[in-house]
Amino acid sequence: MERICHHEFNAQELVTKYPPCLYDRNKEIVFDMSSPRGAIHAGTIVFSRWHDMELPGTVTRGQRRPRFELRKDFFSYEPSSRERVDWHLNFAHHDLFCCYGGRLFAQDEIQVAEHPALASLRHGLLDMDIAPLAVEHGVPTPALVMGVERRCRVATEMNLDEGRPGGLYGNRFSQADEDAIRCATKVIDPPTTSNILAMEAPVCGVGQYDREELEFVLSTAITGFSAAVGESRAKISPGVKTAIHTGFWGCGAYGGNRELMPLLQMIAACGSGLDTMVFHSGEDSFGYDEALERLEDLLPVGQEVNTGTLLSQIESMGFQWEVSDGN
């Protein structure tokens, strides 16, 4: 693994010098609740960006790892234990956190609203002439953010009694009543600490996935997962376990296939030394179980499989792009 860059920031200094720039009143409400005047932002935020890895020649699925866990919920950002470092995916735009201050409230923007120092991090990087990119010149460059505070939780599910008849996800957030936003926002005191893996999926393809698209997804995921494993061991201990919390990455606004994208992430987990992949599906897990069944056939436990052969088999399955959900 080779880093493009690595920087450490004092959280309080970062947020003080680079306060978030918010262009939506409801985003301002969330920030004012989570980070009121005089709030202390603790800790050190570690940012790193990583060169794209060459795909390994073979992939092996071990007897005990990675372990695949399905949760029919959304990210709850439980703190890591002494034995395991947990990372949560940022379903990134290639220009990291670029839309955090506007009207949209999809996975990326929700994560920044709940971890407001991510917005300050973006401005700090730009001020240092550091490119906050998850893809550069068509090549994946996943980024890690270690040690950022989660200062609130924003409920996005439907709730008539709390003024969210359609929920708050996507474009509904900016249209919601201010009282509904206040009711949906729960301050976390004291804040917890999260580790973020930001990587961008391919965007809105058409027809059948081709070999180049499959290789892009697998390379992105293996690079990001491997970087998280390596950073966990370097920062905590050589023997610490690593878990990635993910979901239907690239399957919302980007129109990715809900079976293929989990499958390629599962293969990446097998090829990166990851201990656990926790898949948060929400209520609708369609695509995950089918992907796990495919994995059993393509990559049996204990068997070493050529990566090129694996990709050819997946290509022959004829996975089709789906349609953007508009969020």
Protein backbone atom coordinates (compact mmCIF):
# COMPACT_ATOMS: atom_id res chain seq x y z
CA MET A 1 0.00 0.00 0.00
CA GLU A 2 1.27 3.47 -0.89
CA ARG A 3 -0.12 6.70 0.50
CA ILE A 4 -0.64 9.76 -1.65
CA CYS A 5 -0.74 11.93 1.46
CA HIS A 6 -1.10 11.74 5.23
CA HIS A 7 -1.97 14.63 7.56
CA GLU A 8 -3.04 15.01 11.19
CA PHE A 9 -5.27 17.84 12.44
CA ASN A 10 -6.19 19.05 15.90
CA ALA A 11 -9.99 18.87 15.76
CA GLN A 12 -10.64 22.05 17.76
CA GLU A 13 -8.19 24.11 15.72
CA LEU A 14 -9.59 22.72 12.47
CA VAL A 15 -13.23 23.52 13.26
CA THR A 16 -12.35 26.96 14.67
CA LYS A 17 -10.33 27.96 11.62
CA TYR A 18 -12.62 26.38 9.02
CA PRO A 19 -16.25 26.47 10.19
CA PRO A 20 -18.70 24.70 7.86
CA CYS A 21 -20.24 26.79 5.07
CA LEU A 22 -23.95 25.93 5.08
CA TYR A 23 -26.44 27.06 2.43
CA ASP A 24 -29.54 25.31 3.77
CA ARG A 25 -31.44 26.51 6.82
CA ASN A 26 -32.17 22.99 8.03
CA LYS A 27 -28.47 22.09 7.84
CA GLU A 28 -27.76 25.15 9.99
CA ILE A 29 -30.22 23.92 12.59
CA VAL A 30 -28.49 20.53 12.81
CA PHE A 31 -25.06 22.14 13.10
CA ASP A 32 -26.18 24.66 15.72
CA MET A 33 -27.59 21.81 17.83
CA SER A 34 -24.55 19.55 17.53
CA SER A 35 -21.90 22.28 17.73
CA PRO A 36 -23.26 25.28 19.64
CA ARG A 37 -21.08 28.30 20.34
CA GLY A 38 -18.29 27.31 22.72
CA ALA A 39 -18.48 23.59 21.91
CA ILE A 40 -15.22 21.67 22.36
CA HIS A 41 -14.16 19.42 19.49
CA ALA A 42 -11.79 16.83 20.92
CA GLY A 43 -9.06 14.66 19.51
CA THR A 44 -6.84 14.40 16.46
CA ILE A 45 -8.27 13.75 13.00
CA VAL A 46 -6.00 11.69 10.75
CA PHE A 47 -6.53 12.02 6.99
CA SER A 48 -4.86 9.81 4.40
CA ARG A 49 -5.39 9.21 0.69
CA TRP A 50 -4.19 6.08 -1.10
CA HIS A 51 -2.84 5.07 -4.49
CA ASP A 52 -4.89 2.51 -6.41
CA MET A 53 -3.65 -1.03 -5.75
CA GLU A 54 -2.94 -3.49 -8.52
CA LEU A 55 -5.46 -6.32 -8.26
CA PRO A 56 -3.97 -9.44 -6.64
CA GLY A 57 -3.34 -12.41 -8.90
CA THR A 58 -5.51 -14.67 -6.76
CA VAL A 59 -8.14 -14.33 -4.03
CA THR A 60 -8.73 -16.81 -1.20
CA ARG A 61 -11.67 -16.93 1.18
CA GLY A 62 -10.47 -18.10 4.58
CA GLN A 63 -12.15 -20.54 6.95
CA ARG A 64 -12.82 -17.91 9.61
CA ARG A 65 -12.38 -14.57 7.89
CA PRO A 66 -13.79 -12.50 6.52
CA ARG A 67 -17.03 -12.90 8.39
CA PHE A 68 -20.10 -11.49 6.65
CA GLU A 69 -22.81 -9.96 8.81
CA LEU A 70 -26.16 -8.61 7.58
CA ARG A 71 -27.96 -5.93 9.59
CA LYS A 72 -31.35 -4.69 8.41
CA ASP A 73 -30.71 -1.16 9.62
CA PHE A 74 -28.55 1.87 8.83
CA PHE A 75 -25.24 3.00 10.28
CA SER A 76 -25.33 3.51 14.04
CA TYR A 77 -21.57 4.09 14.42
CA GLU A 78 -20.91 2.00 17.50
CA PRO A 79 -17.48 2.90 18.91
CA SER A 80 -14.64 0.48 18.21
CA SER A 81 -13.52 -1.91 20.92
CA ARG A 82 -9.96 -2.60 22.05
CA GLU A 83 -9.92 -5.72 19.90
CA ARG A 84 -11.44 -4.29 16.72
CA VAL A 85 -11.30 -1.10 14.67
CA ASP A 86 -14.57 -0.27 12.90
CA TRP A 87 -14.70 1.79 9.70
CA HIS A 88 -17.87 3.17 8.12
CA LEU A 89 -18.13 3.77 4.41
CA ASN A 90 -18.72 7.21 2.97
CA PHE A 91 -20.60 6.73 -0.33
CA ALA A 92 -18.42 9.43 -1.77
CA HIS A 93 -18.58 11.89 -4.62
CA HIS A 94 -15.14 11.96 -6.24
CA ASP A 95 -14.70 15.48 -4.76
CA LEU A 96 -14.94 14.58 -1.08
CA PHE A 97 -17.78 16.12 0.96
CA CYS A 98 -18.37 18.71 -1.77
CA CYS A 99 -22.17 18.90 -1.35
CA TYR A 100 -22.39 18.85 2.44
CA GLY A 101 -23.73 22.42 2.78
CA GLY A 102 -26.53 22.32 0.22
CA ARG A 103 -30.11 21.05 0.14
CA LEU A 104 -29.47 17.34 -0.51
CA PHE A 105 -29.45 14.87 2.39
CA ALA A 106 -28.22 11.51 1.04
CA GLN A 107 -25.75 9.14 2.74
CA ASP A 108 -22.71 11.38 2.23
CA GLU A 109 -24.42 14.53 3.47
CA ILE A 110 -26.02 12.75 6.45
CA GLN A 111 -22.61 11.52 7.53
CA VAL A 112 -21.11 15.02 7.36
CA ALA A 113 -24.08 16.52 9.25
CA GLU A 114 -23.54 13.99 12.04
CA HIS A 115 -19.73 14.42 11.92
CA PRO A 116 -19.45 18.20 11.31
CA ALA A 117 -15.65 18.26 11.47
CA LEU A 118 -15.65 16.47 8.10
CA ALA A 119 -16.83 19.74 6.54
CA SER A 120 -14.00 21.62 8.25
CA LEU A 121 -11.56 18.94 7.09
CA ARG A 122 -12.52 19.56 3.47
CA HIS A 123 -11.81 23.28 3.77
CA GLY A 124 -8.57 22.65 5.63
CA LEU A 125 -7.33 20.32 2.90
CA LEU A 126 -8.26 22.78 0.16
CA ASP A 127 -6.48 25.60 1.99
CA MET A 128 -3.34 23.43 2.07
CA ASP A 129 -3.64 22.73 -1.69
CA ILE A 130 -4.34 19.07 -0.96
CA ALA A 131 -6.76 17.52 -3.42
CA PRO A 132 -9.66 15.92 -1.49
CA LEU A 133 -10.36 13.41 -4.26
CA ALA A 134 -11.63 9.83 -4.10
CA VAL A 135 -11.07 9.44 -7.85
CA GLU A 136 -8.42 11.32 -9.82
CA HIS A 137 -8.07 11.16 -13.62
CA GLY A 138 -10.36 8.14 -13.66
CA VAL A 139 -8.28 6.23 -11.09
CA PRO A 140 -9.65 5.37 -7.62
CA THR A 141 -7.83 7.02 -4.69
CA PRO A 142 -9.84 6.08 -1.56
CA ALA A 143 -9.44 8.25 1.52
CA LEU A 144 -9.45 7.45 5.23
CA VAL A 145 -10.50 9.76 8.05
CA MET A 146 -9.64 8.39 11.49
CA GLY A 147 -10.88 9.80 14.79
CA VAL A 148 -13.68 12.21 13.82
CA GLU A 149 -16.39 12.99 16.37
CA ARG A 150 -20.00 12.02 15.78
CA ARG A 151 -21.91 14.77 17.57
CA CYS A 152 -25.53 14.01 16.67
CA ARG A 153 -27.91 11.54 15.07
CA VAL A 154 -30.48 12.68 12.51
CA ALA A 155 -33.48 10.37 12.12
CA THR A 156 -34.49 10.12 8.46
CA GLU A 157 -37.18 7.43 8.64
CA MET A 158 -40.88 8.24 8.25
CA ASN A 159 -42.62 9.33 11.44
CA LEU A 160 -45.99 11.08 11.30
CA ASP A 161 -46.00 12.04 14.98
CA GLU A 162 -42.64 13.82 14.64
CA GLY A 163 -43.50 15.67 11.43
CA ARG A 164 -41.73 13.39 8.94
CA PRO A 165 -44.57 11.89 6.86
CA GLY A 166 -42.18 11.09 3.99
CA GLY A 167 -38.97 10.85 5.97
CA LEU A 168 -36.01 13.20 5.57
CA TYR A 169 -33.80 11.32 3.13
CA GLY A 170 -32.59 12.94 -0.07
CA ASN A 171 -34.52 15.93 -1.33
CA ARG A 172 -37.13 15.78 1.46
CA PHE A 173 -34.75 17.16 4.08
CA SER A 174 -34.70 20.75 2.85
CA GLN A 175 -38.49 20.78 2.46
CA ALA A 176 -39.15 19.72 6.07
CA ASP A 177 -40.47 22.03 8.76
CA GLU A 178 -37.81 23.40 11.10
CA ASP A 179 -39.53 21.85 14.12
CA ALA A 180 -39.37 18.45 12.41
CA ILE A 181 -35.61 18.89 11.94
CA ARG A 182 -35.12 19.78 15.60
CA CYS A 183 -37.19 16.79 16.65
CA ALA A 184 -35.22 14.46 14.36
CA THR A 185 -31.81 15.66 15.60
CA LYS A 186 -30.54 14.01 18.78
CA VAL A 187 -27.33 15.43 20.25
CA ILE A 188 -24.74 12.84 21.30
CA ASP A 189 -23.16 13.97 24.57
CA PRO A 190 -20.40 13.10 24.98
CA PRO A 191 -19.68 12.60 21.27
CA THR A 192 -18.52 9.22 20.01
CA THR A 193 -15.61 8.76 17.59
CA SER A 194 -15.87 7.30 14.08
CA ASN A 195 -13.47 6.16 11.38
CA ILE A 196 -14.53 6.87 7.79
CA LEU A 197 -13.55 5.18 4.53
CA ALA A 198 -14.51 7.37 1.56
CA MET A 199 -14.66 5.82 -1.91
CA GLU A 200 -16.69 6.55 -5.02
CA ALA A 201 -18.60 3.95 -7.03
CA PRO A 202 -18.93 4.20 -10.82
CA VAL A 203 -21.72 6.53 -11.88
CA CYS A 204 -24.91 5.81 -13.87
CA GLY A 205 -23.79 3.34 -16.48
CA VAL A 206 -26.08 1.86 -19.11
CA GLY A 207 -26.83 -1.73 -20.07
CA GLN A 208 -24.53 -4.55 -19.05
CA TYR A 209 -21.47 -3.98 -16.86
CA ASP A 210 -18.28 -4.36 -18.88
CA ARG A 211 -14.92 -5.69 -17.70
CA GLU A 212 -13.47 -2.24 -17.11
CA GLU A 213 -16.34 -1.27 -14.81
CA LEU A 214 -16.03 -4.51 -12.84
CA GLU A 215 -12.29 -3.99 -12.41
CA PHE A 216 -12.84 -0.39 -11.30
CA VAL A 217 -15.28 -1.41 -8.55
CA LEU A 218 -13.14 -4.31 -7.32
CA SER A 219 -9.94 -2.24 -7.39
CA THR A 220 -11.60 0.61 -5.50
CA ALA A 221 -12.95 -1.69 -2.80
CA ILE A 222 -9.77 -3.75 -2.38
CA THR A 223 -7.68 -0.56 -2.14
CA GLY A 224 -10.01 1.05 0.38
CA PHE A 225 -10.46 -2.07 2.50
CA SER A 226 -6.72 -2.84 2.47
CA ALA A 227 -5.89 0.73 3.47
CA ALA A 228 -8.29 0.49 6.41
CA VAL A 229 -6.74 -2.79 7.53
CA GLY A 230 -3.22 -1.37 7.25
CA GLU A 231 -4.05 1.89 9.02
CA SER A 232 -5.80 0.03 11.85
CA ARG A 233 -2.75 -2.13 12.44
CA ALA A 234 -0.36 0.80 12.20
CA LYS A 235 -2.30 3.10 14.54
CA ILE A 236 -3.63 0.59 17.08
CA SER A 237 -1.64 -2.67 17.05
CA PRO A 238 -0.37 -5.24 14.49
CA GLY A 239 -2.86 -7.84 15.73
CA VAL A 240 -6.00 -5.69 15.89
CA LYS A 241 -9.02 -6.84 13.90
CA THR A 242 -10.69 -4.64 11.28
CA ALA A 243 -14.36 -4.34 10.34
CA ILE A 244 -15.88 -2.40 7.47
CA HIS A 245 -19.49 -1.21 7.74
CA THR A 246 -20.97 -0.81 4.29
CA GLY A 247 -24.23 -1.19 2.38
CA PHE A 248 -25.66 -0.78 -1.11
CA TRP A 249 -22.72 1.42 -2.11
CA GLY A 250 -23.38 3.11 -5.45
CA CYS A 251 -26.91 1.66 -5.75
CA GLY A 252 -28.95 4.82 -5.06
CA ALA A 253 -28.30 7.97 -7.04
CA TYR A 254 -25.58 6.20 -9.04
CA GLY A 255 -27.86 3.40 -10.27
CA GLY A 256 -25.60 0.47 -9.38
CA ASN A 257 -26.76 -3.14 -9.39
CA ARG A 258 -27.97 -4.27 -5.93
CA GLU A 259 -26.57 -7.78 -6.31
CA LEU A 260 -23.30 -7.02 -8.09
CA MET A 261 -22.08 -4.23 -5.80
CA PRO A 262 -22.39 -6.32 -2.59
CA LEU A 263 -20.76 -9.27 -4.40
CA LEU A 264 -17.71 -7.27 -5.46
CA GLN A 265 -17.38 -5.85 -1.95
CA MET A 266 -17.47 -9.39 -0.55
CA ILE A 267 -14.67 -10.43 -2.91
CA ALA A 268 -12.70 -7.32 -1.91
CA ALA A 269 -13.13 -8.31 1.75
CA CYS A 270 -11.61 -11.70 0.92
CA GLY A 271 -8.69 -10.08 -0.91
CA SER A 272 -7.80 -7.41 1.64
CA GLY A 273 -7.23 -9.14 4.97
CA LEU A 274 -10.48 -7.80 6.40
CA ASP A 275 -11.87 -9.62 9.43
CA THR A 276 -15.54 -8.61 9.23
CA MET A 277 -17.78 -6.96 6.64
CA VAL A 278 -20.97 -5.62 8.24
CA PHE A 279 -23.60 -4.95 5.59
CA HIS A 280 -26.33 -2.47 6.56
CA SER A 281 -29.21 -3.03 4.14
CA GLY A 282 -32.04 -1.02 5.66
CA GLU A 283 -35.37 -2.85 5.68
CA ASP A 284 -34.97 -4.08 2.09
CA SER A 285 -32.03 -6.50 1.87
CA PHE A 286 -32.87 -7.72 -1.65
CA GLY A 287 -29.59 -8.34 -3.47
CA TYR A 288 -27.44 -9.16 -0.45
CA ASP A 289 -28.51 -12.80 0.03
CA GLU A 290 -28.26 -13.38 -3.71
CA ALA A 291 -24.72 -11.94 -3.71
CA LEU A 292 -23.71 -14.22 -0.83
CA GLU A 293 -25.02 -17.25 -2.73
CA ARG A 294 -22.99 -16.20 -5.78
CA LEU A 295 -19.90 -15.86 -3.58
CA GLU A 296 -20.33 -19.44 -2.33
CA ASP A 297 -20.18 -20.66 -5.93
CA LEU A 298 -17.46 -18.33 -7.18
CA LEU A 299 -15.16 -18.41 -4.18
CA PRO A 300 -15.64 -21.49 -1.98
CA VAL A 301 -14.11 -21.40 1.48
CA GLY A 302 -10.43 -22.38 1.46
CA GLN A 303 -10.06 -22.33 -2.32
CA GLU A 304 -7.61 -20.02 -4.13
CA VAL A 305 -9.16 -18.54 -7.26
CA ASN A 306 -7.48 -16.57 -10.05
CA THR A 307 -8.76 -12.98 -9.97
CA GLY A 308 -8.94 -12.68 -13.76
CA THR A 309 -10.97 -15.88 -13.97
CA LEU A 310 -13.25 -14.61 -11.22
CA LEU A 311 -13.91 -11.37 -13.09
CA SER A 312 -14.57 -13.26 -16.33
CA GLN A 313 -17.14 -15.43 -14.59
CA ILE A 314 -18.87 -12.36 -13.13
CA GLU A 315 -18.84 -10.62 -16.51
CA SER A 316 -20.48 -13.67 -18.11
CA MET A 317 -23.38 -13.39 -15.64
CA GLY A 318 -24.54 -10.27 -17.48
CA PHE A 319 -25.23 -7.93 -14.59
CA GLN A 320 -27.21 -4.89 -15.73
CA TRP A 321 -27.07 -1.30 -14.54
CA GLU A 322 -30.16 -0.14 -12.67
CA VAL A 323 -31.77 3.32 -12.57
CA SER A 324 -30.84 6.23 -10.31
CA ASP A 325 -33.28 6.84 -7.46
CA GLY A 326 -33.01 10.60 -7.98
CA ASN A 327 -31.37 11.25 -4.60
